[in-house]
């Protein structure tokens, strides 16, 4: 099943640590801020600080706007996101401190329960066609492109030649992707594959 989730359907909720708000794009059925199987959200980070504790979850954080942020995890590992669509993968249980490079940023945050889902994230800056891998659940998010064609920046093609076109900053949700059955074409794409752990 293919669903387009528009920005009008997104929800604004407070951060778990209360220090800001996040735009929730999608969450697993019955999920809440305290307990969910998977969750996609966009956050505006306007100051340096400690990230919320999400023990039991794997986090993937993708830079989608701004000049960058450095993440320090448990005072040991560091990730520097300095270009659009660069991303970091880290344990939600870590004490993660974010330091802005030069002003506020916006990030797309993908979180999944480590006991229930495996997550694969791919980012594609330039215009191209990306084959979707077999998975239980797939999401595609496209940022605004720089060309005049950016208002029609994403096309999904399946084996029956059906095409679906939707605007940037909408979220595409695909349930049960079969092998070699779909591809997406566009620029500044974020493609997320989720697989259930048996």
N, C-alpha and C. Protein backbone atom coordinates (compact mmCIF):
# COMPACT_ATOMS: atom_id res chain seq x y z
N UNK A 1 0.83 -1.18 0.00
CA UNK A 1 0.00 0.00 0.00
C UNK A 1 0.87 1.25 0.00
N UNK A 2 0.49 2.24 -0.81
CA UNK A 2 1.24 3.47 -0.93
C UNK A 2 0.40 4.62 -0.38
N UNK A 3 0.99 5.40 0.53
CA UNK A 3 0.30 6.54 1.14
C UNK A 3 1.17 7.78 1.04
N UNK A 4 0.57 8.90 0.68
CA UNK A 4 1.27 10.18 0.70
C UNK A 4 0.79 10.94 1.94
N UNK A 5 1.73 11.28 2.80
CA UNK A 5 1.42 12.03 4.03
C UNK A 5 1.86 13.47 3.80
N UNK A 6 0.90 14.38 3.77
CA UNK A 6 1.20 15.78 3.47
C UNK A 6 1.58 16.54 4.74
N UNK A 7 2.24 17.69 4.60
CA UNK A 7 2.62 18.48 5.78
C UNK A 7 1.44 18.86 6.66
N UNK A 8 0.24 18.97 6.07
CA UNK A 8 -0.94 19.30 6.86
C UNK A 8 -1.29 18.19 7.85
N UNK A 9 -0.79 16.99 7.59
CA UNK A 9 -1.06 15.86 8.48
C UNK A 9 0.01 15.67 9.55
N UNK A 10 1.13 16.40 9.43
CA UNK A 10 2.19 16.30 10.43
C UNK A 10 1.69 16.89 11.76
N UNK A 11 2.29 16.47 12.87
CA UNK A 11 1.90 16.96 14.19
C UNK A 11 3.08 17.65 14.87
N UNK A 12 2.80 18.72 15.59
CA UNK A 12 3.83 19.42 16.36
C UNK A 12 3.69 19.03 17.82
N UNK A 13 4.76 18.47 18.37
CA UNK A 13 4.73 18.03 19.77
C UNK A 13 6.02 18.45 20.47
N UNK A 14 6.00 18.56 21.80
CA UNK A 14 7.22 18.97 22.53
C UNK A 14 8.27 17.87 22.52
N UNK A 15 9.52 18.30 22.63
CA UNK A 15 10.61 17.34 22.78
C UNK A 15 10.43 16.59 24.09
N UNK A 16 11.01 15.41 24.12
CA UNK A 16 10.94 14.60 25.35
C UNK A 16 11.60 15.32 26.52
N UNK A 17 12.67 16.08 26.26
CA UNK A 17 13.36 16.79 27.33
C UNK A 17 12.78 18.18 27.59
N UNK A 18 11.74 18.55 26.83
CA UNK A 18 11.04 19.82 27.06
C UNK A 18 11.76 21.05 26.57
N UNK A 19 12.87 20.90 25.87
CA UNK A 19 13.68 22.05 25.47
C UNK A 19 13.38 22.56 24.06
N UNK A 20 12.33 22.02 23.44
CA UNK A 20 11.98 22.47 22.10
C UNK A 20 10.76 21.71 21.61
N UNK A 21 10.47 21.86 20.33
CA UNK A 21 9.35 21.13 19.73
C UNK A 21 9.83 20.40 18.49
N UNK A 22 9.10 19.37 18.13
CA UNK A 22 9.44 18.59 16.95
C UNK A 22 8.19 18.44 16.09
N UNK A 23 8.39 18.28 14.79
CA UNK A 23 7.30 18.01 13.87
C UNK A 23 7.29 16.51 13.60
N UNK A 24 6.27 15.84 14.05
CA UNK A 24 6.18 14.39 13.87
C UNK A 24 5.53 14.09 12.51
N UNK A 25 6.30 13.44 11.63
CA UNK A 25 5.80 13.11 10.30
C UNK A 25 4.98 11.83 10.32
N UNK A 26 5.45 10.84 11.06
CA UNK A 26 4.76 9.55 11.13
C UNK A 26 5.27 8.78 12.34
N UNK A 27 4.39 7.91 12.88
CA UNK A 27 4.75 7.09 14.03
C UNK A 27 4.01 5.75 13.90
N UNK A 28 4.59 4.71 14.46
CA UNK A 28 3.96 3.39 14.39
C UNK A 28 2.57 3.42 15.04
N UNK A 29 1.70 2.53 14.59
CA UNK A 29 0.32 2.47 15.10
C UNK A 29 0.32 2.35 16.62
N UNK A 30 -0.43 3.23 17.28
CA UNK A 30 -0.53 3.20 18.73
C UNK A 30 0.66 3.80 19.45
N UNK A 31 1.63 4.32 18.69
CA UNK A 31 2.84 4.86 19.29
C UNK A 31 2.62 6.19 19.99
N UNK A 32 3.40 6.41 21.04
CA UNK A 32 3.41 7.68 21.77
C UNK A 32 4.86 8.13 21.90
N UNK A 33 5.06 9.32 22.41
CA UNK A 33 6.42 9.83 22.59
C UNK A 33 7.24 8.93 23.50
N UNK A 34 6.59 8.27 24.44
CA UNK A 34 7.29 7.41 25.40
C UNK A 34 7.53 6.00 24.88
N UNK A 35 6.65 5.52 23.97
CA UNK A 35 6.75 4.14 23.51
C UNK A 35 6.25 4.02 22.07
N UNK A 36 7.14 3.57 21.19
CA UNK A 36 6.79 3.39 19.78
C UNK A 36 7.72 2.36 19.16
N UNK A 37 7.30 1.84 18.01
CA UNK A 37 8.17 0.89 17.28
C UNK A 37 9.12 1.65 16.36
N UNK A 38 8.59 2.69 15.70
CA UNK A 38 9.40 3.56 14.85
C UNK A 38 8.75 4.94 14.80
N UNK A 39 9.56 5.93 14.47
CA UNK A 39 9.06 7.31 14.45
C UNK A 39 9.94 8.17 13.55
N UNK A 40 9.31 9.02 12.76
CA UNK A 40 10.02 9.98 11.91
C UNK A 40 9.59 11.38 12.31
N UNK A 41 10.56 12.25 12.52
CA UNK A 41 10.23 13.61 12.94
C UNK A 41 11.28 14.60 12.43
N UNK A 42 10.89 15.86 12.41
CA UNK A 42 11.80 16.94 12.03
C UNK A 42 11.92 17.89 13.20
N UNK A 43 13.16 18.23 13.56
CA UNK A 43 13.39 19.13 14.70
C UNK A 43 14.16 20.36 14.26
N UNK A 44 13.81 21.50 14.85
CA UNK A 44 14.58 22.73 14.71
C UNK A 44 15.50 22.82 15.93
N UNK A 45 16.80 22.84 15.69
CA UNK A 45 17.77 22.96 16.78
C UNK A 45 18.33 24.38 16.74
N UNK A 46 18.05 25.17 17.77
CA UNK A 46 18.42 26.58 17.76
C UNK A 46 19.53 26.91 18.75
N UNK A 47 19.88 25.93 19.60
CA UNK A 47 20.95 26.18 20.56
C UNK A 47 21.67 24.87 20.88
N UNK A 48 22.87 24.99 21.42
CA UNK A 48 23.63 23.82 21.83
C UNK A 48 22.94 23.16 23.02
N UNK A 49 23.11 21.82 23.13
CA UNK A 49 22.50 21.18 24.29
C UNK A 49 22.49 19.67 24.20
N UNK A 50 21.98 19.05 25.28
CA UNK A 50 21.93 17.60 25.40
C UNK A 50 20.66 17.08 24.73
N UNK A 51 20.79 16.01 23.97
CA UNK A 51 19.65 15.39 23.31
C UNK A 51 18.83 14.58 24.32
N UNK A 52 17.57 14.35 23.99
CA UNK A 52 16.69 13.54 24.83
C UNK A 52 17.20 12.10 24.91
N UNK A 53 16.90 11.46 26.03
CA UNK A 53 17.26 10.05 26.23
C UNK A 53 16.23 9.16 25.52
N UNK A 54 16.70 8.36 24.58
CA UNK A 54 15.83 7.39 23.91
C UNK A 54 16.49 6.01 24.00
N UNK A 55 16.69 5.56 25.23
CA UNK A 55 17.27 4.23 25.45
C UNK A 55 16.38 3.17 24.80
N UNK A 56 17.03 2.19 24.14
CA UNK A 56 16.29 1.13 23.47
C UNK A 56 16.00 1.42 22.01
N UNK A 57 16.41 2.61 21.57
CA UNK A 57 16.16 3.00 20.18
C UNK A 57 17.47 3.33 19.46
N UNK A 58 17.50 3.01 18.16
CA UNK A 58 18.59 3.44 17.30
C UNK A 58 18.14 4.71 16.60
N UNK A 59 19.02 5.71 16.59
CA UNK A 59 18.67 6.99 15.99
C UNK A 59 19.49 7.23 14.73
N UNK A 60 18.83 7.76 13.72
CA UNK A 60 19.49 8.25 12.51
C UNK A 60 19.08 9.71 12.36
N UNK A 61 20.05 10.60 12.34
CA UNK A 61 19.78 12.02 12.28
C UNK A 61 20.37 12.59 11.00
N UNK A 62 19.50 13.18 10.15
CA UNK A 62 19.91 13.69 8.84
C UNK A 62 19.81 15.21 8.83
N UNK A 63 20.88 15.90 8.44
CA UNK A 63 20.87 17.35 8.34
C UNK A 63 20.09 17.76 7.09
N UNK A 64 19.01 18.54 7.26
CA UNK A 64 18.22 18.95 6.10
C UNK A 64 18.19 20.47 5.89
N UNK A 65 18.74 21.21 6.84
CA UNK A 65 18.79 22.67 6.68
C UNK A 65 19.80 23.24 7.66
N UNK A 66 20.54 24.27 7.24
CA UNK A 66 21.51 24.91 8.12
C UNK A 66 22.94 24.54 7.79
N UNK A 67 23.87 25.08 8.57
CA UNK A 67 25.29 24.94 8.26
C UNK A 67 25.99 23.84 9.04
N UNK A 68 25.25 23.09 9.84
CA UNK A 68 25.88 21.92 10.44
C UNK A 68 25.79 21.85 11.95
N UNK A 69 26.08 20.65 12.44
CA UNK A 69 26.07 20.38 13.88
C UNK A 69 27.07 19.26 14.17
N UNK A 70 27.73 19.36 15.31
CA UNK A 70 28.61 18.29 15.75
C UNK A 70 27.95 17.58 16.93
N UNK A 71 27.94 16.26 16.87
CA UNK A 71 27.35 15.44 17.92
C UNK A 71 28.44 14.71 18.68
N UNK A 72 28.42 14.82 19.99
CA UNK A 72 29.36 14.08 20.83
C UNK A 72 28.57 13.08 21.67
N UNK A 73 28.94 11.80 21.57
CA UNK A 73 28.21 10.74 22.24
C UNK A 73 29.04 10.17 23.40
N UNK A 74 28.52 10.31 24.62
CA UNK A 74 29.19 9.79 25.82
C UNK A 74 30.64 10.26 25.95
N UNK A 75 30.92 11.45 25.44
CA UNK A 75 32.27 12.05 25.49
C UNK A 75 33.33 11.17 24.82
N UNK A 76 32.89 10.32 23.89
CA UNK A 76 33.82 9.42 23.21
C UNK A 76 33.76 9.59 21.69
N UNK A 77 32.63 9.27 21.11
CA UNK A 77 32.50 9.31 19.66
C UNK A 77 31.93 10.66 19.22
N UNK A 78 32.38 11.12 18.04
CA UNK A 78 31.87 12.38 17.49
C UNK A 78 31.40 12.17 16.06
N UNK A 79 30.31 12.84 15.72
CA UNK A 79 29.82 12.89 14.35
C UNK A 79 29.68 14.35 13.96
N UNK A 80 30.23 14.71 12.79
CA UNK A 80 30.10 16.09 12.33
C UNK A 80 29.27 16.10 11.06
N UNK A 81 28.10 16.73 11.14
CA UNK A 81 27.23 16.88 9.99
C UNK A 81 27.42 18.28 9.44
N UNK A 82 28.08 18.39 8.30
CA UNK A 82 28.44 19.71 7.78
C UNK A 82 27.86 20.01 6.41
N UNK A 83 27.16 19.05 5.81
CA UNK A 83 26.57 19.29 4.50
C UNK A 83 25.15 18.70 4.48
N UNK A 84 24.30 19.29 3.67
CA UNK A 84 22.92 18.84 3.58
C UNK A 84 22.87 17.36 3.19
N UNK A 85 22.06 16.61 3.90
CA UNK A 85 21.84 15.17 3.76
C UNK A 85 22.95 14.30 4.35
N UNK A 86 23.93 14.91 5.01
CA UNK A 86 24.86 14.08 5.78
C UNK A 86 24.10 13.61 7.02
N UNK A 87 24.47 12.42 7.52
CA UNK A 87 23.71 11.90 8.66
C UNK A 87 24.58 11.09 9.60
N UNK A 88 24.07 10.92 10.81
CA UNK A 88 24.76 10.15 11.84
C UNK A 88 23.82 9.08 12.38
N UNK A 89 24.38 7.93 12.72
CA UNK A 89 23.63 6.83 13.33
C UNK A 89 24.21 6.58 14.72
N UNK A 90 23.35 6.58 15.74
CA UNK A 90 23.87 6.42 17.09
C UNK A 90 22.81 5.84 18.02
N UNK A 91 23.27 5.32 19.15
CA UNK A 91 22.43 4.71 20.16
C UNK A 91 21.68 5.80 20.93
N UNK A 92 20.35 5.65 20.99
CA UNK A 92 19.55 6.64 21.69
C UNK A 92 19.82 6.71 23.18
N UNK A 93 20.51 5.70 23.73
CA UNK A 93 20.85 5.69 25.16
C UNK A 93 22.07 6.55 25.46
N UNK A 94 22.82 6.91 24.44
CA UNK A 94 24.02 7.73 24.65
C UNK A 94 23.64 9.12 25.18
N UNK A 95 24.55 9.69 25.98
CA UNK A 95 24.40 11.10 26.33
C UNK A 95 24.99 11.87 25.16
N UNK A 96 24.11 12.36 24.30
CA UNK A 96 24.55 13.04 23.09
C UNK A 96 24.39 14.55 23.25
N UNK A 97 25.48 15.26 23.00
CA UNK A 97 25.48 16.71 23.09
C UNK A 97 25.67 17.28 21.69
N UNK A 98 24.78 18.18 21.29
CA UNK A 98 24.87 18.80 19.97
C UNK A 98 25.44 20.21 20.07
N UNK A 99 26.43 20.51 19.20
CA UNK A 99 27.02 21.84 19.14
C UNK A 99 26.85 22.37 17.72
N UNK A 100 26.13 23.46 17.59
CA UNK A 100 25.85 24.04 16.27
C UNK A 100 27.11 24.64 15.67
N UNK A 101 27.25 24.49 14.36
CA UNK A 101 28.44 25.01 13.67
C UNK A 101 28.34 26.51 13.43
N UNK A 102 27.17 26.95 12.96
CA UNK A 102 27.00 28.38 12.66
C UNK A 102 25.51 28.69 12.54
N UNK A 103 24.84 28.76 13.66
CA UNK A 103 23.42 29.08 13.65
C UNK A 103 22.53 27.85 13.65
N UNK A 104 21.22 28.07 13.71
CA UNK A 104 20.24 26.99 13.82
C UNK A 104 20.28 26.02 12.65
N UNK A 105 19.84 24.79 12.92
CA UNK A 105 19.73 23.77 11.87
C UNK A 105 18.38 23.07 11.99
N UNK A 106 18.06 22.32 10.97
CA UNK A 106 16.86 21.48 10.99
C UNK A 106 17.31 20.08 10.62
N UNK A 107 16.79 19.08 11.34
CA UNK A 107 17.18 17.70 11.05
C UNK A 107 15.96 16.80 10.96
N UNK A 108 16.12 15.74 10.15
CA UNK A 108 15.13 14.67 10.10
C UNK A 108 15.64 13.55 10.97
N UNK A 109 14.81 13.10 11.92
CA UNK A 109 15.23 12.11 12.90
C UNK A 109 14.43 10.83 12.69
N UNK A 110 15.13 9.72 12.47
CA UNK A 110 14.49 8.42 12.29
C UNK A 110 14.87 7.56 13.49
N UNK A 111 13.87 7.11 14.24
CA UNK A 111 14.14 6.27 15.40
C UNK A 111 13.38 4.96 15.31
N UNK A 112 14.00 3.87 15.74
CA UNK A 112 13.33 2.57 15.72
C UNK A 112 13.76 1.75 16.93
N UNK A 113 12.82 0.98 17.47
CA UNK A 113 13.09 0.07 18.58
C UNK A 113 14.07 -1.00 18.11
N UNK A 114 15.21 -1.10 18.77
CA UNK A 114 16.27 -2.00 18.31
C UNK A 114 15.87 -3.47 18.38
N UNK A 115 14.85 -3.80 19.18
CA UNK A 115 14.40 -5.18 19.29
C UNK A 115 13.32 -5.53 18.27
N UNK A 116 12.81 -4.52 17.56
CA UNK A 116 11.70 -4.76 16.65
C UNK A 116 12.01 -4.47 15.18
N UNK A 117 12.93 -3.53 14.92
CA UNK A 117 13.20 -3.14 13.53
C UNK A 117 14.68 -2.90 13.27
N UNK A 118 15.09 -3.26 12.06
CA UNK A 118 16.38 -2.85 11.53
C UNK A 118 16.13 -1.71 10.55
N UNK A 119 17.01 -0.73 10.56
CA UNK A 119 16.81 0.46 9.75
C UNK A 119 17.98 0.66 8.80
N UNK A 120 17.67 1.01 7.56
CA UNK A 120 18.70 1.41 6.58
C UNK A 120 18.30 2.78 6.04
N UNK A 121 19.24 3.70 6.08
CA UNK A 121 18.98 5.06 5.59
C UNK A 121 19.94 5.37 4.45
N UNK A 122 19.41 5.90 3.36
CA UNK A 122 20.23 6.35 2.24
C UNK A 122 19.86 7.77 1.88
N UNK A 123 20.85 8.61 1.55
CA UNK A 123 20.58 9.98 1.12
C UNK A 123 21.21 10.21 -0.25
N UNK A 124 20.50 10.96 -1.09
CA UNK A 124 20.90 11.13 -2.49
C UNK A 124 20.72 12.59 -2.88
N UNK A 125 21.82 13.31 -2.99
CA UNK A 125 21.77 14.76 -3.19
C UNK A 125 21.38 15.14 -4.61
N UNK A 126 21.96 14.46 -5.60
CA UNK A 126 21.75 14.83 -7.00
C UNK A 126 20.56 14.10 -7.61
N UNK A 127 20.02 14.65 -8.68
CA UNK A 127 18.93 14.02 -9.41
C UNK A 127 19.35 12.63 -9.88
N UNK A 128 18.57 11.62 -9.51
CA UNK A 128 18.88 10.25 -9.90
C UNK A 128 17.70 9.33 -9.63
N UNK A 129 17.82 8.10 -10.10
CA UNK A 129 16.81 7.08 -9.85
C UNK A 129 17.38 6.09 -8.85
N UNK A 130 16.62 5.79 -7.81
CA UNK A 130 17.06 4.91 -6.74
C UNK A 130 16.11 3.71 -6.68
N UNK A 131 16.67 2.51 -6.77
CA UNK A 131 15.87 1.31 -6.64
C UNK A 131 15.54 1.08 -5.16
N UNK A 132 14.29 0.79 -4.86
CA UNK A 132 13.91 0.50 -3.49
C UNK A 132 14.16 -0.96 -3.19
N UNK A 133 14.77 -1.23 -2.05
CA UNK A 133 15.08 -2.60 -1.66
C UNK A 133 13.86 -3.26 -1.02
N UNK A 134 13.84 -4.58 -1.05
CA UNK A 134 12.77 -5.32 -0.39
C UNK A 134 12.78 -5.00 1.10
N UNK A 135 11.61 -4.69 1.65
CA UNK A 135 11.51 -4.36 3.07
C UNK A 135 10.06 -4.41 3.51
N UNK A 136 9.87 -4.35 4.82
CA UNK A 136 8.51 -4.35 5.36
C UNK A 136 7.85 -2.99 5.26
N UNK A 137 8.67 -1.94 5.34
CA UNK A 137 8.14 -0.58 5.32
C UNK A 137 9.20 0.35 4.76
N UNK A 138 8.78 1.25 3.87
CA UNK A 138 9.73 2.18 3.26
C UNK A 138 9.15 3.59 3.31
N UNK A 139 10.01 4.55 3.59
CA UNK A 139 9.62 5.96 3.55
C UNK A 139 10.56 6.70 2.61
N UNK A 140 10.00 7.67 1.88
CA UNK A 140 10.83 8.54 1.04
C UNK A 140 10.43 9.98 1.33
N UNK A 141 11.45 10.82 1.56
CA UNK A 141 11.23 12.24 1.82
C UNK A 141 12.17 13.02 0.91
N UNK A 142 11.64 14.04 0.24
CA UNK A 142 12.47 14.83 -0.68
C UNK A 142 12.47 16.28 -0.25
N UNK A 143 13.66 16.87 -0.19
CA UNK A 143 13.78 18.29 0.09
C UNK A 143 13.52 19.08 -1.18
N UNK A 144 13.35 20.37 -1.05
CA UNK A 144 13.13 21.22 -2.21
C UNK A 144 14.37 21.23 -3.09
N UNK A 145 14.17 21.04 -4.39
CA UNK A 145 15.29 21.09 -5.31
C UNK A 145 15.58 22.51 -5.75
N UNK A 146 16.67 22.68 -6.48
CA UNK A 146 17.09 24.00 -6.94
C UNK A 146 16.60 24.31 -8.35
N UNK A 147 16.14 23.30 -9.07
CA UNK A 147 15.70 23.51 -10.45
C UNK A 147 14.22 23.90 -10.49
N UNK A 148 13.77 24.28 -11.67
CA UNK A 148 12.37 24.64 -11.85
C UNK A 148 11.46 23.43 -11.73
N UNK A 149 12.00 22.25 -11.83
CA UNK A 149 11.19 21.03 -11.76
C UNK A 149 11.00 20.55 -10.33
N UNK A 150 11.44 21.32 -9.37
CA UNK A 150 11.41 20.84 -7.98
C UNK A 150 9.99 20.66 -7.45
N UNK A 151 8.99 21.33 -8.07
CA UNK A 151 7.63 21.15 -7.59
C UNK A 151 7.08 19.78 -7.96
N UNK A 152 7.71 19.11 -8.91
CA UNK A 152 7.37 17.72 -9.24
C UNK A 152 8.68 16.95 -9.14
N UNK A 153 9.13 16.75 -7.92
CA UNK A 153 10.50 16.28 -7.74
C UNK A 153 10.61 14.79 -7.50
N UNK A 154 9.48 14.09 -7.40
CA UNK A 154 9.60 12.69 -7.04
C UNK A 154 8.57 11.85 -7.79
N UNK A 155 9.05 10.79 -8.42
CA UNK A 155 8.17 9.86 -9.12
C UNK A 155 8.47 8.46 -8.65
N UNK A 156 7.44 7.70 -8.36
CA UNK A 156 7.60 6.31 -7.97
C UNK A 156 7.10 5.45 -9.12
N UNK A 157 7.94 4.52 -9.57
CA UNK A 157 7.56 3.64 -10.66
C UNK A 157 7.53 2.20 -10.16
N UNK A 158 6.44 1.50 -10.40
CA UNK A 158 6.34 0.10 -10.02
C UNK A 158 6.30 -0.75 -11.29
N UNK A 159 6.31 -2.05 -11.13
CA UNK A 159 6.40 -2.95 -12.28
C UNK A 159 5.18 -2.87 -13.18
N UNK A 160 4.05 -2.38 -12.66
CA UNK A 160 2.87 -2.26 -13.52
C UNK A 160 2.80 -0.89 -14.20
N UNK A 161 3.91 -0.17 -14.18
CA UNK A 161 4.07 1.11 -14.88
C UNK A 161 3.24 2.24 -14.29
N UNK A 162 2.65 2.03 -13.14
CA UNK A 162 1.91 3.10 -12.48
C UNK A 162 2.88 4.13 -11.92
N UNK A 163 2.59 5.40 -12.15
CA UNK A 163 3.45 6.45 -11.63
C UNK A 163 2.70 7.29 -10.62
N UNK A 164 3.40 7.66 -9.56
CA UNK A 164 2.83 8.55 -8.55
C UNK A 164 3.79 9.72 -8.40
N UNK A 165 3.27 10.90 -8.56
CA UNK A 165 4.08 12.09 -8.44
C UNK A 165 3.58 12.91 -7.26
N UNK A 166 4.51 13.40 -6.42
CA UNK A 166 4.07 14.27 -5.32
C UNK A 166 5.13 15.32 -5.02
N UNK A 167 4.68 16.36 -4.37
CA UNK A 167 5.53 17.51 -4.12
C UNK A 167 6.59 17.23 -3.06
N UNK A 168 7.62 18.05 -3.08
CA UNK A 168 8.65 17.94 -2.07
C UNK A 168 8.07 18.24 -0.68
N UNK A 169 8.72 17.69 0.31
CA UNK A 169 8.37 17.84 1.72
C UNK A 169 7.07 17.14 2.10
N UNK A 170 6.56 16.30 1.20
CA UNK A 170 5.55 15.33 1.56
C UNK A 170 6.29 14.03 1.89
N UNK A 171 5.69 13.18 2.70
CA UNK A 171 6.31 11.91 3.06
C UNK A 171 5.58 10.78 2.33
N UNK A 172 6.35 9.96 1.63
CA UNK A 172 5.79 8.80 0.95
C UNK A 172 6.00 7.58 1.84
N UNK A 173 4.92 6.84 2.09
CA UNK A 173 4.98 5.63 2.91
C UNK A 173 4.56 4.44 2.05
N UNK A 174 5.40 3.42 1.99
CA UNK A 174 5.12 2.23 1.19
C UNK A 174 5.21 1.01 2.09
N UNK A 175 4.12 0.26 2.18
CA UNK A 175 4.11 -0.96 2.98
C UNK A 175 4.48 -2.15 2.12
N UNK A 176 5.38 -2.98 2.62
CA UNK A 176 5.76 -4.23 1.97
C UNK A 176 6.28 -4.04 0.55
N UNK A 177 7.53 -3.58 0.45
CA UNK A 177 8.18 -3.43 -0.85
C UNK A 177 8.73 -4.77 -1.30
N UNK A 178 8.38 -5.20 -2.49
CA UNK A 178 8.87 -6.46 -3.04
C UNK A 178 10.16 -6.21 -3.81
N UNK A 179 10.99 -7.26 -4.01
CA UNK A 179 12.27 -7.07 -4.70
C UNK A 179 12.08 -6.59 -6.13
N UNK A 180 12.89 -5.58 -6.49
CA UNK A 180 12.93 -5.05 -7.86
C UNK A 180 11.56 -4.60 -8.36
N UNK A 181 10.73 -4.08 -7.47
CA UNK A 181 9.39 -3.70 -7.89
C UNK A 181 9.18 -2.20 -8.00
N UNK A 182 10.05 -1.40 -7.37
CA UNK A 182 9.82 0.04 -7.35
C UNK A 182 11.13 0.81 -7.40
N UNK A 183 11.04 2.02 -7.95
CA UNK A 183 12.17 2.94 -7.93
C UNK A 183 11.62 4.35 -7.73
N UNK A 184 12.47 5.22 -7.21
CA UNK A 184 12.09 6.63 -7.05
C UNK A 184 13.08 7.49 -7.81
N UNK A 185 12.57 8.56 -8.40
CA UNK A 185 13.41 9.49 -9.14
C UNK A 185 13.23 10.88 -8.57
N UNK A 186 14.32 11.53 -8.31
CA UNK A 186 14.24 12.87 -7.76
C UNK A 186 15.59 13.35 -7.29
N UNK A 187 15.61 14.48 -6.62
CA UNK A 187 16.85 15.00 -6.07
C UNK A 187 16.66 15.29 -4.59
N UNK A 188 17.75 15.34 -3.87
CA UNK A 188 17.74 15.57 -2.43
C UNK A 188 16.78 14.60 -1.73
N UNK A 189 17.00 13.33 -1.98
CA UNK A 189 16.12 12.29 -1.45
C UNK A 189 16.67 11.66 -0.17
N UNK A 190 15.76 11.33 0.73
CA UNK A 190 16.07 10.51 1.89
C UNK A 190 15.20 9.27 1.79
N UNK A 191 15.85 8.10 1.73
CA UNK A 191 15.12 6.84 1.57
C UNK A 191 15.39 5.98 2.81
N UNK A 192 14.31 5.55 3.44
CA UNK A 192 14.39 4.80 4.70
C UNK A 192 13.74 3.44 4.53
N UNK A 193 14.48 2.38 4.80
CA UNK A 193 13.93 1.02 4.76
C UNK A 193 13.86 0.48 6.19
N UNK A 194 12.71 -0.09 6.55
CA UNK A 194 12.52 -0.68 7.87
C UNK A 194 12.16 -2.17 7.69
N UNK A 195 12.87 -3.03 8.42
CA UNK A 195 12.61 -4.46 8.37
C UNK A 195 12.31 -4.97 9.78
N UNK A 196 11.22 -5.72 9.92
CA UNK A 196 10.88 -6.29 11.21
C UNK A 196 11.89 -7.35 11.60
N UNK A 197 12.20 -7.40 12.89
CA UNK A 197 13.09 -8.43 13.44
C UNK A 197 12.22 -9.56 13.96
N UNK A 198 12.43 -10.75 13.43
CA UNK A 198 11.60 -11.91 13.84
C UNK A 198 11.95 -12.39 15.25
